[in-house]
Amino acid sequence: MNDPESAWRDSYRHPTPWDSAYPPLSMVDFFDQAAARGGTAPLIDFLGRHYSYAETLDGANRVAAGLRALGYGPGDRIGLFLPNVPHYLAAYYGILKLGATVVNFSPLYTPAELEHQVADSGTKLLFTLSASALLPTALEVLDGSSLERLIVGSVAGALPATKSVLYRLFKRNEVTKRPDDKRIMAFSQLIANDGLCPVPAIDPMNDVALIQYTGGTTGTPKGAMLTHQNLSANARQVMGLDPHPHEPDRILGVLPLFHVFANTCVLNRTVLNGGCIVMLPRFDAGQVLAAIDRTRATALPGVPTMYQALLDHPRVATTDFSSLRVCISGGAPLPAELKAKFEAATGAVVVEGYGLSESSGVISANPYEGAGKSGTIGQPIPGTHVRLVDKADPTQPTPFGEPGEIVTAGPQIMKGYWNRPDVDGEVFVTDGAGRPWLRTGDVGTIDDDGFIRIVDRLKDMIAVSGFKVFPSQIEAVLHHHPAVKEAMVIGLPDPYRGEHPRAYVTLNDGATATGEELRDWLNPQLGRHERVDQVVIRLTMPKTMIGKLSRKDLVAEVMAEAAARP
């Protein structure tokens, strides 16, 4: 392999030295130490109701004790099927205190998607809410899988008193009644205990704290096993990017906590910083702008589509952004025009970074202060190695000056994939010294200052508003329609979402379905971020010499057709 590390040794622009070390630290000690420092200071601002570090620690202890009383313990997988609500923090840290493993599930999942990942991970118990967008799905999975229990929380119970009353009065249609079922327990009942639960011995380097599902490099969702050290190190690494680490942030927590980007940059990093998470259950541009005004927020991690939506909202002209220091953009490429417009409108710096679920969240970032480089993903964060390898043979360095696949090593890199040692051999490449490097599947260049630019990707995944969409899964659904003969799904540029999926199909002889009919049949079976804008019917599909459908050639044809239109 080539050694580009000299490129940033002489021009490293982050305030913490690149060769910093991160001693092993369990997430239990990580949180307990932060709570001891934070005390009565607010950790959560949930629509105006504050929860202190001490209160959140007490909640986590009670979750751990409640789970232990139900018979759960070290090594068990316990799932979070939750939006951004205070229950998430108590459950997340409580599960870790039990010595168990957290499994993150997106609230956008369909019952089939949730059931598959519950089965794959061996999740025994699931935390969710009584919200109508969540509980019916969880109940379906409880009845159709090996899931043993549900713990069901109430949004109304987490709100300030007046808002709680209004929620119960006016949003009854958004709440599903909790069934009378011995497998289902109220969150309030789970934590009705003294919080005394012995913490088992934890090996930070080897014990898995979090299973985070990802598409990896092959398009099939797999569980990245993130150890306690992976998570605690990445939080410390991200803290090392801040030129003012001892100034507690008020961070807008609207990026969903089930996403690895938010897990590190919103949750764990803010806990380490002693800051406060201004928590919103979902993204609404008007609510975000109101929260910035109300709380004097200092940081806003997000994906490019969020920044565009804020600019498009009429309230942006009257919002006071003077408190906002930095906005961290990730999940999808950040257009230079959007960065410039948002910085001009708010006065805040927008910093683009890069990472993967397999890297606990963050690998590289532009500097918060000083000269970054627009269009790049910045320099490696402290303690992180990045190199380029040959796209065809990852054991060899890329020829000098040419793009190569980005590989990375560091304390934040996953232990491997859950129950998939066969795939571990594909995603890791070992150098001459025996060090494993994670293959990212992205192709990039590294300039003379060590700034990394992504120029292509080996994956077929589609990035929609920061979420990874897997074409093969949408195609599998399309193939269930009796009219569909062949199907391919590709990602097309979208000025708001980054990309959007579009499906192309050929029909069986004699079939008469229209594209609109197929789209209307398909989309209800998909997660919201997976839904296609069109199903286009074609007479033929491009194929390789051996008859395999060629996604690459289809993309080229579609882009050429778009360019030829007036």
Protein backbone atom coordinates (compact mmCIF):
# COMPACT_ATOMS: atom_id res chain seq x y z
CA MET A 1 0.00 0.00 0.00
CA ASN A 2 1.07 3.57 -0.56
CA ASP A 3 1.52 5.83 2.45
CA PRO A 4 -0.33 9.14 2.00
CA GLU A 5 -0.11 9.95 5.70
CA SER A 6 2.77 12.32 5.13
CA ALA A 7 0.28 14.46 3.17
CA TRP A 8 -1.45 15.57 6.37
CA ARG A 9 1.34 15.26 8.91
CA ASP A 10 2.72 18.61 7.74
CA SER A 11 -0.63 20.30 7.07
CA TYR A 12 -3.01 18.82 9.64
CA ARG A 13 -5.73 21.35 10.35
CA HIS A 14 -7.64 19.78 13.23
CA PRO A 15 -6.80 21.11 16.72
CA THR A 16 -6.02 17.66 18.19
CA PRO A 17 -2.85 15.92 16.93
CA TRP A 18 -3.48 13.31 14.27
CA ASP A 19 -1.48 10.62 16.11
CA SER A 20 -3.53 10.91 19.34
CA ALA A 21 -4.24 7.68 21.22
CA TYR A 22 -7.55 6.62 22.76
CA PRO A 23 -7.23 4.24 25.73
CA PRO A 24 -9.92 1.53 26.10
CA LEU A 25 -13.10 2.88 27.72
CA SER A 26 -16.44 1.13 28.17
CA MET A 27 -19.60 3.03 27.32
CA VAL A 28 -20.79 2.45 30.90
CA ASP A 29 -17.77 4.24 32.36
CA PHE A 30 -18.06 6.81 29.56
CA PHE A 31 -21.63 7.69 30.58
CA ASP A 32 -21.16 7.41 34.35
CA GLN A 33 -18.18 9.78 34.25
CA ALA A 34 -20.08 12.28 32.10
CA ALA A 35 -23.11 12.13 34.41
CA ALA A 36 -20.91 12.72 37.45
CA ARG A 37 -19.48 15.82 35.78
CA GLY A 38 -22.85 17.03 34.50
CA GLY A 39 -24.90 16.57 37.66
CA THR A 40 -27.98 18.78 37.56
CA ALA A 41 -27.07 20.43 34.25
CA PRO A 42 -29.58 19.69 31.46
CA LEU A 43 -28.74 16.83 29.11
CA ILE A 44 -32.09 16.82 27.27
CA ASP A 45 -34.42 19.64 26.28
CA PHE A 46 -37.49 17.84 24.95
CA LEU A 47 -39.88 20.47 23.60
CA GLY A 48 -39.21 22.59 26.68
CA ARG A 49 -39.00 19.86 29.33
CA HIS A 50 -35.50 19.44 30.75
CA TYR A 51 -33.89 16.21 31.93
CA SER A 52 -30.60 16.58 33.80
CA TYR A 53 -27.58 14.32 33.57
CA ALA A 54 -28.46 12.96 37.02
CA GLU A 55 -32.07 12.25 36.02
CA THR A 56 -30.99 10.51 32.82
CA LEU A 57 -28.46 8.40 34.73
CA ASP A 58 -31.21 7.43 37.20
CA GLY A 59 -33.46 6.47 34.30
CA ALA A 60 -30.71 4.33 32.73
CA ASN A 61 -30.07 2.59 36.06
CA ARG A 62 -33.79 1.86 36.41
CA VAL A 63 -33.98 0.48 32.87
CA ALA A 64 -31.04 -1.83 33.62
CA ALA A 65 -32.62 -2.99 36.90
CA GLY A 66 -36.01 -3.51 35.24
CA LEU A 67 -34.53 -5.55 32.42
CA ARG A 68 -32.52 -7.64 34.86
CA ALA A 69 -35.70 -8.36 36.85
CA LEU A 70 -37.27 -9.65 33.62
CA GLY A 71 -34.39 -12.09 33.19
CA TYR A 72 -32.22 -10.28 30.66
CA GLY A 73 -28.49 -9.87 31.02
CA PRO A 74 -25.05 -9.71 29.40
CA GLY A 75 -24.92 -10.65 25.73
CA ASP A 76 -28.66 -10.33 25.08
CA ARG A 77 -29.68 -8.20 22.11
CA ILE A 78 -32.28 -5.57 22.96
CA GLY A 79 -33.75 -3.34 20.27
CA LEU A 80 -34.70 0.33 20.04
CA PHE A 81 -37.56 1.07 17.66
CA LEU A 82 -37.78 4.72 18.68
CA PRO A 83 -37.67 8.26 17.31
CA ASN A 84 -35.82 11.03 19.18
CA VAL A 85 -37.47 10.95 22.60
CA PRO A 86 -36.03 10.93 26.15
CA HIS A 87 -36.85 7.21 26.45
CA TYR A 88 -34.12 6.56 23.87
CA LEU A 89 -31.29 7.78 26.12
CA ALA A 90 -32.48 5.93 29.22
CA ALA A 91 -32.96 2.72 27.24
CA TYR A 92 -29.70 3.03 25.28
CA TYR A 93 -27.43 3.56 28.29
CA GLY A 94 -29.54 1.24 30.47
CA ILE A 95 -29.09 -1.66 28.04
CA LEU A 96 -25.34 -1.04 28.03
CA LYS A 97 -25.26 -0.98 31.85
CA LEU A 98 -26.89 -4.41 31.80
CA GLY A 99 -23.99 -5.70 29.72
CA ALA A 100 -26.40 -6.30 26.85
CA THR A 101 -26.15 -5.12 23.24
CA VAL A 102 -28.27 -2.35 21.72
CA VAL A 103 -29.75 -3.00 18.27
CA ASN A 104 -30.90 0.13 16.42
CA PHE A 105 -34.01 -0.15 14.23
CA SER A 106 -35.31 2.63 12.03
CA PRO A 107 -38.87 3.81 12.82
CA LEU A 108 -39.30 3.96 9.03
CA TYR A 109 -39.09 0.17 8.69
CA THR A 110 -41.99 -1.82 7.34
CA PRO A 111 -43.08 -4.84 9.41
CA ALA A 112 -41.23 -7.18 7.02
CA GLU A 113 -37.98 -5.19 7.31
CA LEU A 114 -38.21 -5.01 11.10
CA GLU A 115 -39.05 -8.70 11.40
CA HIS A 116 -36.07 -9.68 9.24
CA GLN A 117 -33.58 -7.70 11.31
CA VAL A 118 -35.11 -8.82 14.61
CA ALA A 119 -34.63 -12.41 13.47
CA ASP A 120 -31.14 -11.80 12.10
CA SER A 121 -29.90 -10.11 15.29
CA GLY A 122 -31.72 -12.43 17.70
CA THR A 123 -33.34 -9.43 19.39
CA LYS A 124 -35.39 -10.59 22.38
CA LEU A 125 -37.01 -7.38 23.61
CA LEU A 126 -37.96 -4.18 21.80
CA PHE A 127 -38.49 -0.64 23.11
CA THR A 128 -41.06 1.41 21.22
CA LEU A 129 -43.79 4.05 21.70
CA SER A 130 -47.57 4.02 21.71
CA ALA A 131 -47.47 6.23 18.59
CA SER A 132 -49.64 4.92 15.77
CA ALA A 133 -46.68 5.16 13.41
CA LEU A 134 -44.76 2.61 15.52
CA LEU A 135 -46.79 0.38 17.82
CA PRO A 136 -48.88 -1.43 15.17
CA THR A 137 -45.68 -2.42 13.35
CA ALA A 138 -44.07 -3.59 16.58
CA LEU A 139 -47.17 -5.61 17.49
CA GLU A 140 -47.15 -7.32 14.10
CA VAL A 141 -43.50 -8.27 14.56
CA LEU A 142 -44.18 -9.47 18.14
CA ASP A 143 -46.77 -11.88 16.79
CA GLY A 144 -44.75 -12.99 13.76
CA SER A 145 -41.22 -13.43 15.08
CA SER A 146 -39.16 -14.78 17.95
CA LEU A 147 -39.41 -11.42 19.75
CA GLU A 148 -40.37 -12.04 23.39
CA ARG A 149 -41.46 -8.66 24.77
CA LEU A 150 -42.32 -5.06 24.00
CA ILE A 151 -41.64 -2.11 26.30
CA VAL A 152 -43.98 0.71 25.29
CA GLY A 153 -43.42 4.33 26.23
CA SER A 154 -45.67 7.38 25.96
CA VAL A 155 -44.67 10.63 24.26
CA ALA A 156 -47.22 12.52 26.37
CA GLY A 157 -45.50 11.38 29.53
CA ALA A 158 -42.21 12.90 28.42
CA LEU A 159 -43.63 16.34 27.60
CA PRO A 160 -44.00 19.38 29.87
CA ALA A 161 -47.26 19.18 31.86
CA THR A 162 -49.31 21.60 29.75
CA LYS A 163 -48.13 20.13 26.47
CA SER A 164 -48.82 16.64 27.79
CA VAL A 165 -52.46 17.50 28.47
CA LEU A 166 -52.87 19.08 25.01
CA TYR A 167 -51.24 16.05 23.37
CA ARG A 168 -53.67 13.68 25.08
CA LEU A 169 -56.64 15.87 24.13
CA PHE A 170 -55.90 16.69 20.51
CA LYS A 171 -53.65 13.91 19.18
CA ARG A 172 -55.58 10.82 20.20
CA ASN A 173 -55.60 9.67 16.57
CA GLU A 174 -51.79 9.48 16.67
CA VAL A 175 -51.79 7.04 19.61
CA THR A 176 -52.49 3.30 19.54
CA LYS A 177 -53.82 1.78 22.75
CA ARG A 178 -51.40 -0.64 24.36
CA PRO A 179 -52.98 -4.13 24.28
CA ASP A 180 -53.60 -6.06 27.47
CA ASP A 181 -50.94 -8.69 26.81
CA LYS A 182 -48.49 -10.16 29.30
CA ARG A 183 -45.75 -9.80 26.68
CA ILE A 184 -46.22 -6.02 26.64
CA MET A 185 -45.13 -3.71 29.45
CA ALA A 186 -45.36 0.05 29.92
CA PHE A 187 -42.02 1.87 30.09
CA SER A 188 -43.20 3.46 33.35
CA GLN A 189 -43.72 -0.01 34.85
CA LEU A 190 -40.28 -1.18 33.74
CA ILE A 191 -38.55 1.68 35.57
CA ALA A 192 -40.66 1.45 38.74
CA ASN A 193 -37.73 0.16 40.81
CA ASP A 194 -34.81 1.40 42.93
CA GLY A 195 -32.31 1.41 40.05
CA LEU A 196 -29.91 -0.91 41.82
CA CYS A 197 -28.32 -3.17 39.24
CA PRO A 198 -24.75 -4.49 39.43
CA VAL A 199 -22.76 -3.66 36.30
CA PRO A 200 -21.03 -6.77 34.91
CA ALA A 201 -17.40 -6.73 33.88
CA ILE A 202 -17.10 -5.29 30.39
CA ASP A 203 -14.19 -5.74 27.98
CA PRO A 204 -14.26 -2.48 25.97
CA MET A 205 -12.15 -3.88 23.15
CA ASN A 206 -14.23 -6.99 22.49
CA ASP A 207 -17.71 -6.67 23.98
CA VAL A 208 -20.27 -5.50 21.43
CA ALA A 209 -22.22 -2.42 22.55
CA LEU A 210 -24.24 -1.77 19.39
CA ILE A 211 -25.38 -3.66 16.31
CA GLN A 212 -25.95 -1.08 13.59
CA TYR A 213 -27.48 -2.35 10.37
CA THR A 214 -25.85 -1.23 7.16
CA GLY A 215 -25.73 -2.17 3.51
CA GLY A 216 -21.99 -2.76 3.63
CA THR A 217 -20.46 -3.25 0.19
CA THR A 218 -22.77 -5.90 -1.22
CA GLY A 219 -26.22 -4.29 -0.89
CA THR A 220 -27.56 -6.78 1.68
CA PRO A 221 -28.25 -5.27 5.13
CA LYS A 222 -25.79 -6.59 7.69
CA GLY A 223 -25.26 -5.81 11.36
CA ALA A 224 -22.03 -3.94 12.04
CA MET A 225 -20.77 -4.97 15.49
CA LEU A 226 -19.51 -1.85 17.26
CA THR A 227 -17.67 -2.44 20.51
CA HIS A 228 -17.70 -0.20 23.57
CA GLN A 229 -14.27 1.06 22.56
CA ASN A 230 -15.40 1.74 18.97
CA LEU A 231 -18.16 4.05 20.22
CA SER A 232 -16.30 5.75 23.04
CA ALA A 233 -13.24 6.32 20.86
CA ASN A 234 -15.25 7.84 18.01
CA ALA A 235 -16.97 10.24 20.42
CA ARG A 236 -13.55 11.31 21.74
CA GLN A 237 -12.19 11.62 18.21
CA VAL A 238 -15.07 13.87 17.15
CA MET A 239 -14.59 15.94 20.30
CA GLY A 240 -11.01 16.41 19.14
CA LEU A 241 -12.25 18.30 16.07
CA ASP A 242 -13.72 21.10 18.19
CA PRO A 243 -11.41 24.07 18.83
CA HIS A 244 -13.54 24.89 21.90
CA PRO A 245 -14.17 21.48 23.51
CA HIS A 246 -14.76 22.88 27.01
CA GLU A 247 -17.69 25.06 25.95
CA PRO A 248 -20.79 22.85 26.35
CA ASP A 249 -22.94 22.81 23.24
CA ARG A 250 -26.66 23.12 22.86
CA ILE A 251 -26.96 20.77 19.93
CA LEU A 252 -30.07 20.43 17.77
CA GLY A 253 -30.92 16.73 18.04
CA VAL A 254 -33.20 16.31 15.04
CA LEU A 255 -30.96 13.90 13.14
CA PRO A 256 -32.46 10.50 14.08
CA LEU A 257 -30.59 8.80 16.91
CA PHE A 258 -31.02 5.36 15.33
CA HIS A 259 -28.63 6.57 12.59
CA VAL A 260 -24.95 6.02 13.36
CA PHE A 261 -24.12 9.65 12.41
CA ALA A 262 -26.41 10.93 15.17
CA ASN A 263 -25.37 8.21 17.61
CA THR A 264 -21.85 9.61 17.62
CA CYS A 265 -22.22 13.29 16.74
CA VAL A 266 -25.48 14.11 18.55
CA LEU A 267 -25.66 11.61 21.42
CA ASN A 268 -22.28 10.33 22.59
CA ARG A 269 -20.22 13.37 21.65
CA THR A 270 -22.66 15.75 23.39
CA VAL A 271 -22.65 13.60 26.53
CA LEU A 272 -18.85 13.71 26.53
CA ASN A 273 -18.93 17.49 26.02
CA GLY A 274 -21.34 18.07 28.92
CA GLY A 275 -23.76 19.73 26.52
CA CYS A 276 -27.51 19.66 26.06
CA ILE A 277 -29.43 17.88 23.28
CA VAL A 278 -32.33 20.02 22.05
CA MET A 279 -34.37 17.01 21.02
CA LEU A 280 -37.02 16.97 18.30
CA PRO A 281 -38.91 13.73 17.46
CA ARG A 282 -38.87 14.37 13.72
CA PHE A 283 -37.58 16.90 11.23
CA ASP A 284 -39.88 19.84 10.58
CA ALA A 285 -38.11 22.94 9.23
CA GLY A 286 -40.35 25.37 11.09
CA GLN A 287 -39.89 23.53 14.39
CA VAL A 288 -36.11 23.41 13.94
CA LEU A 289 -35.94 27.16 13.28
CA ALA A 290 -38.18 27.83 16.29
CA ALA A 291 -35.96 25.62 18.47
CA ILE A 292 -32.83 27.52 17.36
CA ASP A 293 -34.52 30.77 18.40
CA ARG A 294 -35.86 29.38 21.70
CA THR A 295 -32.75 27.56 22.91
CA ARG A 296 -29.92 29.58 21.32
CA ALA A 297 -28.57 26.38 19.79
CA THR A 298 -24.84 26.26 19.04
CA ALA A 299 -24.58 23.23 16.71
CA LEU A 300 -26.76 21.52 14.11
CA PRO A 301 -25.59 18.19 12.67
CA GLY A 302 -27.63 17.17 9.65
CA VAL A 303 -27.81 15.94 6.09
CA PRO A 304 -27.87 18.27 3.06
CA THR A 305 -31.62 17.92 2.52
CA MET A 306 -32.23 19.33 5.99
CA TYR A 307 -30.17 22.43 5.29
CA GLN A 308 -31.99 22.96 2.01
CA ALA A 309 -35.38 22.64 3.72
CA LEU A 310 -34.38 25.23 6.32
CA LEU A 311 -33.36 27.67 3.59
CA ASP A 312 -36.68 27.09 1.82
CA HIS A 313 -38.77 27.87 4.92
CA PRO A 314 -40.17 31.43 5.18
CA ARG A 315 -39.15 31.64 8.85
CA VAL A 316 -35.46 31.52 7.94
CA ALA A 317 -35.48 35.29 7.28
CA THR A 318 -36.52 36.10 10.87
CA THR A 319 -34.59 33.42 12.78
CA ASP A 320 -31.71 34.57 14.98
CA PHE A 321 -28.77 32.36 14.04
CA SER A 322 -26.15 34.30 16.01
CA SER A 323 -25.67 31.46 18.53
CA LEU A 324 -25.08 28.80 15.85
CA ARG A 325 -21.36 28.02 15.55
CA VAL A 326 -21.12 24.92 13.41
CA CYS A 327 -23.27 22.66 11.25
CA ILE A 328 -21.84 19.20 10.56
CA SER A 329 -23.03 17.75 7.26
CA GLY A 330 -22.83 14.06 6.45
CA GLY A 331 -24.77 11.13 5.02
CA ALA A 332 -24.66 12.44 1.43
CA PRO A 333 -22.48 14.76 -0.67
CA LEU A 334 -22.88 18.44 0.23
CA PRO A 335 -23.29 20.63 -2.88
CA ALA A 336 -20.93 23.63 -2.79
CA GLU A 337 -23.81 25.94 -3.69
CA LEU A 338 -25.87 24.75 -0.73
CA LYS A 339 -22.95 25.16 1.66
CA ALA A 340 -22.37 28.73 0.48
CA LYS A 341 -26.06 29.68 0.67
CA PHE A 342 -26.54 28.25 4.16
CA GLU A 343 -23.42 29.90 5.52
CA ALA A 344 -24.47 33.24 4.02
CA ALA A 345 -27.97 32.96 5.50
CA THR A 346 -26.93 31.86 9.00
CA GLY A 347 -23.35 32.96 9.62
CA ALA A 348 -22.57 29.42 10.81
CA VAL A 349 -19.80 27.27 9.35
CA VAL A 350 -20.99 24.15 7.51
CA VAL A 351 -18.42 21.36 7.88
CA GLU A 352 -18.62 18.33 5.60
CA GLY A 353 -17.48 15.00 6.98
CA TYR A 354 -17.63 11.33 6.09
CA GLY A 355 -18.14 8.01 7.75
CA LEU A 356 -19.88 4.66 7.71
CA SER A 357 -21.89 2.51 10.08
CA GLU A 358 -18.84 0.22 10.07
CA SER A 359 -16.70 3.09 11.39
CA SER A 360 -19.01 4.05 14.28
CA GLY A 361 -19.92 7.21 12.42
CA VAL A 362 -16.93 9.35 11.48
CA ILE A 363 -13.69 8.81 9.54
CA SER A 364 -12.83 12.25 8.22
CA ALA A 365 -13.99 15.86 8.37
CA ASN A 366 -13.12 19.35 7.29
CA PRO A 367 -11.81 21.64 10.06
CA TYR A 368 -14.32 23.62 12.13
CA GLU A 369 -12.14 26.70 11.88
CA GLY A 370 -9.59 27.71 9.27
CA ALA A 371 -9.24 26.65 5.68
CA GLY A 372 -11.25 23.61 4.70
CA LYS A 373 -11.80 22.51 1.12
CA SER A 374 -15.29 22.57 -0.31
CA GLY A 375 -16.25 19.42 -2.16
CA THR A 376 -13.95 17.24 -0.05
CA ILE A 377 -14.66 15.12 3.02
CA GLY A 378 -11.71 16.76 4.77
CA GLN A 379 -8.75 15.13 6.50
CA PRO A 380 -8.80 11.99 8.68
CA ILE A 381 -9.94 12.66 12.23
CA PRO A 382 -7.42 12.09 15.04
CA GLY A 383 -6.25 8.50 15.43
CA THR A 384 -7.52 7.49 11.99
CA HIS A 385 -5.53 6.11 9.04
CA VAL A 386 -6.79 6.47 5.47
CA ARG A 387 -5.19 5.05 2.33
CA LEU A 388 -6.08 4.34 -1.29
CA VAL A 389 -5.86 0.87 -2.79
CA ASP A 390 -6.27 -0.47 -6.28
CA LYS A 391 -9.95 -0.76 -7.23
CA ALA A 392 -9.49 -4.21 -8.73
CA ASP A 393 -6.99 -5.59 -6.18
CA PRO A 394 -7.31 -4.07 -2.68
CA THR A 395 -4.06 -5.72 -1.57
CA GLN A 396 -2.15 -3.36 -3.85
CA PRO A 397 -1.66 0.41 -3.59
CA THR A 398 -3.29 2.59 -6.19
CA PRO A 399 -0.89 3.93 -8.81
CA PHE A 400 0.46 7.33 -7.79
CA GLY A 401 -1.90 10.16 -8.64
CA GLU A 402 -4.81 7.91 -9.60
CA PRO A 403 -8.11 7.41 -7.73
CA GLY A 404 -8.36 4.33 -5.55
CA GLU A 405 -10.73 2.66 -3.12
CA ILE A 406 -10.65 4.35 0.28
CA VAL A 407 -9.60 2.01 3.09
CA THR A 408 -9.34 3.03 6.73
CA ALA A 409 -8.08 1.82 10.10
CA GLY A 410 -8.54 3.19 13.60
CA PRO A 411 -10.08 2.56 17.03
CA GLN A 412 -13.58 3.27 15.71
CA ILE A 413 -13.59 0.52 13.07
CA MET A 414 -16.10 -2.26 13.73
CA LYS A 415 -15.26 -5.69 15.09
CA GLY A 416 -16.99 -7.29 12.10
CA TYR A 417 -20.46 -8.18 10.86
CA TRP A 418 -22.92 -9.99 13.11
CA ASN A 419 -22.95 -13.70 12.21
CA ARG A 420 -21.28 -12.99 8.85
CA PRO A 421 -17.61 -14.03 9.06
CA ASP A 422 -17.83 -14.87 5.35
CA VAL A 423 -18.39 -11.19 4.53
CA ASP A 424 -15.69 -9.99 6.95
CA GLY A 425 -13.14 -11.51 4.62
CA GLU A 426 -14.45 -9.33 1.80
CA VAL A 427 -14.71 -6.04 3.68
CA PHE A 428 -11.32 -6.16 5.45
CA VAL A 429 -7.93 -6.20 3.76
CA THR A 430 -4.74 -6.86 5.75
CA ASP A 431 -1.49 -5.00 5.16
CA GLY A 432 2.04 -6.37 5.47
CA ALA A 433 2.12 -5.60 9.19
CA GLY A 434 -1.05 -7.61 9.84
CA ARG A 435 -3.27 -4.57 10.42
CA PRO A 436 -6.84 -4.92 9.08
CA TRP A 437 -8.15 -2.06 6.93
CA LEU A 438 -11.84 -1.50 6.29
CA ARG A 439 -12.79 -1.27 2.63
CA THR A 440 -15.31 1.55 2.26
CA GLY A 441 -16.45 0.77 -1.27
CA ASP A 442 -15.94 4.45 -2.16
CA VAL A 443 -13.35 5.64 -4.66
CA GLY A 444 -11.42 8.79 -3.90
CA THR A 445 -8.34 10.90 -4.29
CA ILE A 446 -6.08 12.45 -1.66
CA ASP A 447 -4.43 15.79 -2.43
CA ASP A 448 -1.07 17.12 -1.27
CA ASP A 449 -2.63 18.50 1.94
CA GLY A 450 -4.30 15.21 2.83
CA PHE A 451 -7.83 16.29 1.89
CA ILE A 452 -9.93 13.42 0.57
CA ARG A 453 -12.34 13.74 -2.32
CA ILE A 454 -14.84 11.02 -3.23
CA VAL A 455 -15.09 10.66 -6.98
CA ASP A 456 -17.04 7.43 -7.45
CA ARG A 457 -18.37 4.44 -5.54
CA LEU A 458 -18.15 0.74 -5.98
CA LYS A 459 -21.47 0.20 -4.32
CA ASP A 460 -24.89 0.23 -5.93
CA MET A 461 -26.46 1.80 -2.86
CA ILE A 462 -28.53 4.94 -3.32
CA ALA A 463 -28.12 7.80 -0.81
CA VAL A 464 -31.55 9.34 -0.09
CA SER A 465 -31.47 12.15 2.48
CA GLY A 466 -28.60 10.42 4.25
CA PHE A 467 -30.27 6.97 4.26
CA LYS A 468 -28.89 4.05 2.29
CA VAL A 469 -31.38 2.47 -0.08
CA PHE A 470 -30.62 -0.93 -1.56
CA PRO A 471 -31.83 -1.41 -5.14
CA SER A 472 -31.91 -5.19 -4.81
CA GLN A 473 -34.55 -5.01 -2.08
CA ILE A 474 -36.88 -2.83 -4.16
CA GLU A 475 -36.29 -5.07 -7.17
CA ALA A 476 -37.19 -8.12 -5.09
CA VAL A 477 -40.57 -6.57 -4.28
CA LEU A 478 -41.18 -5.68 -7.94
CA HIS A 479 -40.54 -9.26 -8.96
CA HIS A 480 -43.54 -10.33 -6.87
CA HIS A 481 -45.86 -8.53 -9.30
CA PRO A 482 -47.17 -10.97 -11.91
CA ALA A 483 -46.69 -8.47 -14.74
CA VAL A 484 -42.99 -7.82 -14.09
CA LYS A 485 -40.39 -9.76 -16.05
CA GLU A 486 -37.19 -7.82 -15.26
CA ALA A 487 -36.52 -4.99 -12.83
CA MET A 488 -33.68 -2.60 -12.09
CA VAL A 489 -33.63 0.32 -9.67
CA ILE A 490 -31.14 3.15 -9.96
CA GLY A 491 -30.45 6.38 -8.09
CA LEU A 492 -30.90 9.66 -9.95
CA PRO A 493 -29.69 13.11 -8.87
CA ASP A 494 -32.16 14.99 -6.70
CA PRO A 495 -31.48 18.63 -5.72
CA TYR A 496 -33.30 18.18 -2.40
CA ARG A 497 -32.66 14.58 -1.29
CA GLY A 498 -29.29 13.99 -2.95
CA GLU A 499 -30.66 11.06 -4.93
CA HIS A 500 -34.02 9.41 -5.46
CA PRO A 501 -34.79 5.84 -6.56
CA ARG A 502 -36.43 5.14 -9.90
CA ALA A 503 -37.50 1.71 -11.12
CA TYR A 504 -37.24 0.33 -14.66
CA VAL A 505 -39.06 -2.84 -15.67
CA THR A 506 -39.90 -5.02 -18.63
CA LEU A 507 -43.22 -6.86 -18.66
CA ASN A 508 -44.17 -10.46 -19.22
CA ASP A 509 -45.82 -11.28 -22.53
CA GLY A 510 -49.46 -10.24 -22.51
CA ALA A 511 -49.16 -8.08 -19.38
CA THR A 512 -50.90 -4.72 -19.55
CA ALA A 513 -49.87 -2.96 -16.32
CA THR A 514 -48.94 0.73 -16.56
CA GLY A 515 -46.01 2.42 -14.83
CA GLU A 516 -48.38 4.37 -12.61
CA GLU A 517 -50.18 1.19 -11.54
CA LEU A 518 -46.89 -0.51 -10.69
CA ARG A 519 -45.65 2.51 -8.73
CA ASP A 520 -48.87 2.70 -6.71
CA TRP A 521 -48.65 -1.05 -6.00
CA LEU A 522 -44.94 -0.92 -5.08
CA ASN A 523 -44.55 2.14 -2.84
CA PRO A 524 -46.88 1.11 0.02
CA GLN A 525 -44.65 -1.96 0.52
CA LEU A 526 -41.50 0.14 0.96
CA GLY A 527 -40.05 2.35 3.66
CA ARG A 528 -40.68 6.04 3.02
CA HIS A 529 -37.11 6.77 1.95
CA GLU A 530 -37.16 3.78 -0.45
CA ARG A 531 -40.20 4.85 -2.48
CA VAL A 532 -39.65 5.41 -6.19
CA ASP A 533 -40.79 8.49 -8.08
CA GLN A 534 -41.61 6.45 -11.19
CA VAL A 535 -41.76 2.94 -12.54
CA VAL A 536 -40.68 3.19 -16.17
CA ILE A 537 -41.70 0.38 -18.53
CA ARG A 538 -39.12 -0.53 -21.16
CA LEU A 539 -39.13 -2.98 -24.03
CA THR A 540 -35.62 -4.20 -23.20
CA MET A 541 -32.98 -3.80 -20.52
CA PRO A 542 -29.24 -3.32 -21.11
CA LYS A 543 -27.28 -6.48 -20.41
CA THR A 544 -23.68 -7.56 -20.15
CA MET A 545 -22.03 -9.98 -22.56
CA ILE A 546 -23.07 -12.92 -20.39
CA GLY A 547 -26.70 -11.76 -20.21
CA LYS A 548 -26.65 -10.15 -16.77
CA LEU A 549 -28.68 -6.99 -16.31
CA SER A 550 -26.29 -4.03 -16.44
CA ARG A 551 -27.13 -1.31 -13.94
CA LYS A 552 -24.15 0.74 -15.07
CA ASP A 553 -25.35 0.81 -18.68
CA LEU A 554 -28.90 1.64 -17.62
CA VAL A 555 -27.66 4.63 -15.64
CA ALA A 556 -25.64 5.78 -18.66
CA GLU A 557 -28.66 5.48 -20.96
CA VAL A 558 -30.98 7.34 -18.59
CA MET A 559 -28.48 10.16 -18.04
CA ALA A 560 -27.88 10.46 -21.78
CA GLU A 561 -31.64 10.67 -22.41
CA ALA A 562 -31.95 13.37 -19.74
CA ALA A 563 -29.09 15.37 -21.25
CA ALA A 564 -30.67 15.19 -24.71
CA ARG A 565 -33.98 16.65 -23.55
CA PRO A 566 -34.44 20.43 -24.02
